[in-house]
Amino acid sequence: MFALARLVVVGFIVLTVIYVCLSLYSRSVRKGKLRAEWYEGPQDVPLEQYLEEGLEDYDQSLRRKLILSVYVIPVILVSVIIYLTNFS
């Protein structure tokens, strides 16, 4: 039982680190694309406001929510492996 608890705790920590890294990377890529769009197009609004509005849209996007699958997919895979190992 202790081994399972250790697996859950260490797994959660590792997945959290991966999630934070992916989230920061994806946000920085989106910010770079918004900055490039602002420089290419008409500059009606200040850059900071344009970036802020674009990142608010990004926070509501499907891509942001799909990054949460970092928690779901490994848990499902480990559960299936444990089930197949013990009950097959």
C-alpha atoms as a PDB file:
ATOM      1  CA  MET A   1       0.000   0.000   0.000  1.00  0.00           C
ATOM      2  CA  PHE A   2       2.914   2.323   0.760  1.00  0.00           C
ATOM      3  CA  ALA A   3       4.333   1.764  -2.708  1.00  0.00           C
ATOM      4  CA  LEU A   4       1.044   2.852  -4.304  1.00  0.00           C
ATOM      5  CA  ALA A   5       0.916   6.003  -2.169  1.00  0.00           C
ATOM      6  CA  ARG A   6       4.501   6.820  -3.103  1.00  0.00           C
ATOM      7  CA  LEU A   7       3.692   6.252  -6.793  1.00  0.00           C
ATOM      8  CA  VAL A   8       0.690   8.579  -6.574  1.00  0.00           C
ATOM      9  CA  VAL A   9       2.591  11.358  -4.785  1.00  0.00           C
ATOM     10  CA  VAL A  10       5.689  11.218  -6.991  1.00  0.00           C
ATOM     11  CA  GLY A  11       3.547  10.876 -10.108  1.00  0.00           C
ATOM     12  CA  PHE A  12       1.464  13.895  -9.159  1.00  0.00           C
ATOM     13  CA  ILE A  13       4.581  15.992  -8.557  1.00  0.00           C
ATOM     14  CA  VAL A  14       6.143  14.942 -11.875  1.00  0.00           C
ATOM     15  CA  LEU A  15       2.911  15.551 -13.788  1.00  0.00           C
ATOM     16  CA  THR A  16       2.531  18.962 -12.155  1.00  0.00           C
ATOM     17  CA  VAL A  17       6.034  19.968 -13.226  1.00  0.00           C
ATOM     18  CA  ILE A  18       5.297  18.795 -16.782  1.00  0.00           C
ATOM     19  CA  TYR A  19       1.962  20.645 -16.781  1.00  0.00           C
ATOM     20  CA  VAL A  20       3.531  23.911 -15.602  1.00  0.00           C
ATOM     21  CA  CYS A  21       6.312  23.680 -18.199  1.00  0.00           C
ATOM     22  CA  LEU A  22       3.868  22.933 -21.032  1.00  0.00           C
ATOM     23  CA  SER A  23       1.527  25.675 -19.910  1.00  0.00           C
ATOM     24  CA  LEU A  24       4.276  28.299 -19.727  1.00  0.00           C
ATOM     25  CA  TYR A  25       5.708  27.228 -23.078  1.00  0.00           C
ATOM     26  CA  SER A  26       2.335  27.286 -24.827  1.00  0.00           C
ATOM     27  CA  ARG A  27       1.510  30.691 -23.351  1.00  0.00           C
ATOM     28  CA  SER A  28       4.852  32.137 -24.458  1.00  0.00           C
ATOM     29  CA  VAL A  29       4.374  30.794 -27.990  1.00  0.00           C
ATOM     30  CA  ARG A  30       0.911  32.373 -28.145  1.00  0.00           C
ATOM     31  CA  LYS A  31       2.290  35.646 -26.805  1.00  0.00           C
ATOM     32  CA  GLY A  32       4.981  35.632 -29.499  1.00  0.00           C
ATOM     33  CA  LYS A  33       2.381  35.054 -32.212  1.00  0.00           C
ATOM     34  CA  LEU A  34       0.229  37.881 -30.865  1.00  0.00           C
ATOM     35  CA  ARG A  35       3.240  40.189 -30.798  1.00  0.00           C
ATOM     36  CA  ALA A  36       4.054  39.306 -34.433  1.00  0.00           C
ATOM     37  CA  GLU A  37       0.420  39.928 -35.468  1.00  0.00           C
ATOM     38  CA  TRP A  38       0.486  43.317 -33.763  1.00  0.00           C
ATOM     39  CA  TYR A  39       3.689  44.381 -35.529  1.00  0.00           C
ATOM     40  CA  GLU A  40       2.362  43.257 -38.942  1.00  0.00           C
ATOM     41  CA  GLY A  41      -1.138  44.731 -38.689  1.00  0.00           C
ATOM     42  CA  PRO A  42      -2.535  48.157 -37.929  1.00  0.00           C
ATOM     43  CA  GLN A  43      -1.458  49.260 -34.480  1.00  0.00           C
ATOM     44  CA  ASP A  44      -4.738  50.756 -33.274  1.00  0.00           C
ATOM     45  CA  VAL A  45      -4.320  49.652 -29.651  1.00  0.00           C
ATOM     46  CA  PRO A  46      -1.197  49.610 -27.470  1.00  0.00           C
ATOM     47  CA  LEU A  47       0.850  46.402 -27.521  1.00  0.00           C
ATOM     48  CA  GLU A  48       0.215  45.593 -23.843  1.00  0.00           C
ATOM     49  CA  GLN A  49      -3.554  45.880 -24.263  1.00  0.00           C
ATOM     50  CA  TYR A  50      -3.482  43.759 -27.434  1.00  0.00           C
ATOM     51  CA  LEU A  51      -1.440  41.064 -25.687  1.00  0.00           C
ATOM     52  CA  GLU A  52      -3.696  41.140 -22.629  1.00  0.00           C
ATOM     53  CA  GLU A  53      -6.849  40.699 -24.724  1.00  0.00           C
ATOM     54  CA  GLY A  54      -5.277  37.960 -26.816  1.00  0.00           C
ATOM     55  CA  LEU A  55      -4.087  36.029 -23.772  1.00  0.00           C
ATOM     56  CA  GLU A  56      -7.549  36.319 -22.194  1.00  0.00           C
ATOM     57  CA  ASP A  57      -8.941  34.658 -25.320  1.00  0.00           C
ATOM     58  CA  TYR A  58      -6.208  32.033 -25.084  1.00  0.00           C
ATOM     59  CA  ASP A  59      -7.135  31.273 -21.463  1.00  0.00           C
ATOM     60  CA  GLN A  60     -10.649  30.324 -22.634  1.00  0.00           C
ATOM     61  CA  SER A  61      -9.440  28.273 -25.605  1.00  0.00           C
ATOM     62  CA  LEU A  62      -9.581  24.520 -26.120  1.00  0.00           C
ATOM     63  CA  ARG A  63      -5.786  24.306 -26.391  1.00  0.00           C
ATOM     64  CA  ARG A  64      -5.418  25.496 -22.818  1.00  0.00           C
ATOM     65  CA  LYS A  65      -7.884  22.873 -21.617  1.00  0.00           C
ATOM     66  CA  LEU A  66      -6.192  20.103 -23.593  1.00  0.00           C
ATOM     67  CA  ILE A  67      -2.985  20.684 -21.655  1.00  0.00           C
ATOM     68  CA  LEU A  68      -4.855  19.298 -18.632  1.00  0.00           C
ATOM     69  CA  SER A  69      -4.763  15.920 -20.379  1.00  0.00           C
ATOM     70  CA  VAL A  70      -1.230  15.709 -18.985  1.00  0.00           C
ATOM     71  CA  TYR A  71      -2.929  14.527 -15.782  1.00  0.00           C
ATOM     72  CA  VAL A  72      -5.577  12.306 -17.343  1.00  0.00           C
ATOM     73  CA  ILE A  73      -3.699  10.196 -19.918  1.00  0.00           C
ATOM     74  CA  PRO A  74      -0.876   8.907 -17.657  1.00  0.00           C
ATOM     75  CA  VAL A  75      -3.330   8.036 -14.865  1.00  0.00           C
ATOM     76  CA  ILE A  76      -5.454   6.030 -17.285  1.00  0.00           C
ATOM     77  CA  LEU A  77      -2.396   4.244 -18.711  1.00  0.00           C
ATOM     78  CA  VAL A  78      -1.011   3.344 -15.278  1.00  0.00           C
ATOM     79  CA  SER A  79      -4.446   2.149 -14.154  1.00  0.00           C
ATOM     80  CA  VAL A  80      -4.791  -0.090 -17.214  1.00  0.00           C
ATOM     81  CA  ILE A  81      -1.284  -1.510 -16.728  1.00  0.00           C
ATOM     82  CA  ILE A  82      -1.950  -2.236 -13.061  1.00  0.00           C
ATOM     83  CA  TYR A  83      -5.286  -3.869 -13.876  1.00  0.00           C
ATOM     84  CA  LEU A  84      -3.828  -6.006 -16.643  1.00  0.00           C
ATOM     85  CA  THR A  85      -0.884  -7.048 -14.509  1.00  0.00           C
ATOM     86  CA  ASN A  86      -2.952  -8.041 -11.491  1.00  0.00           C
ATOM     87  CA  PHE A  87      -6.204  -9.336 -12.947  1.00  0.00           C
ATOM     88  CA  SER A  88      -5.350 -10.932 -16.285  1.00  0.00           C
END
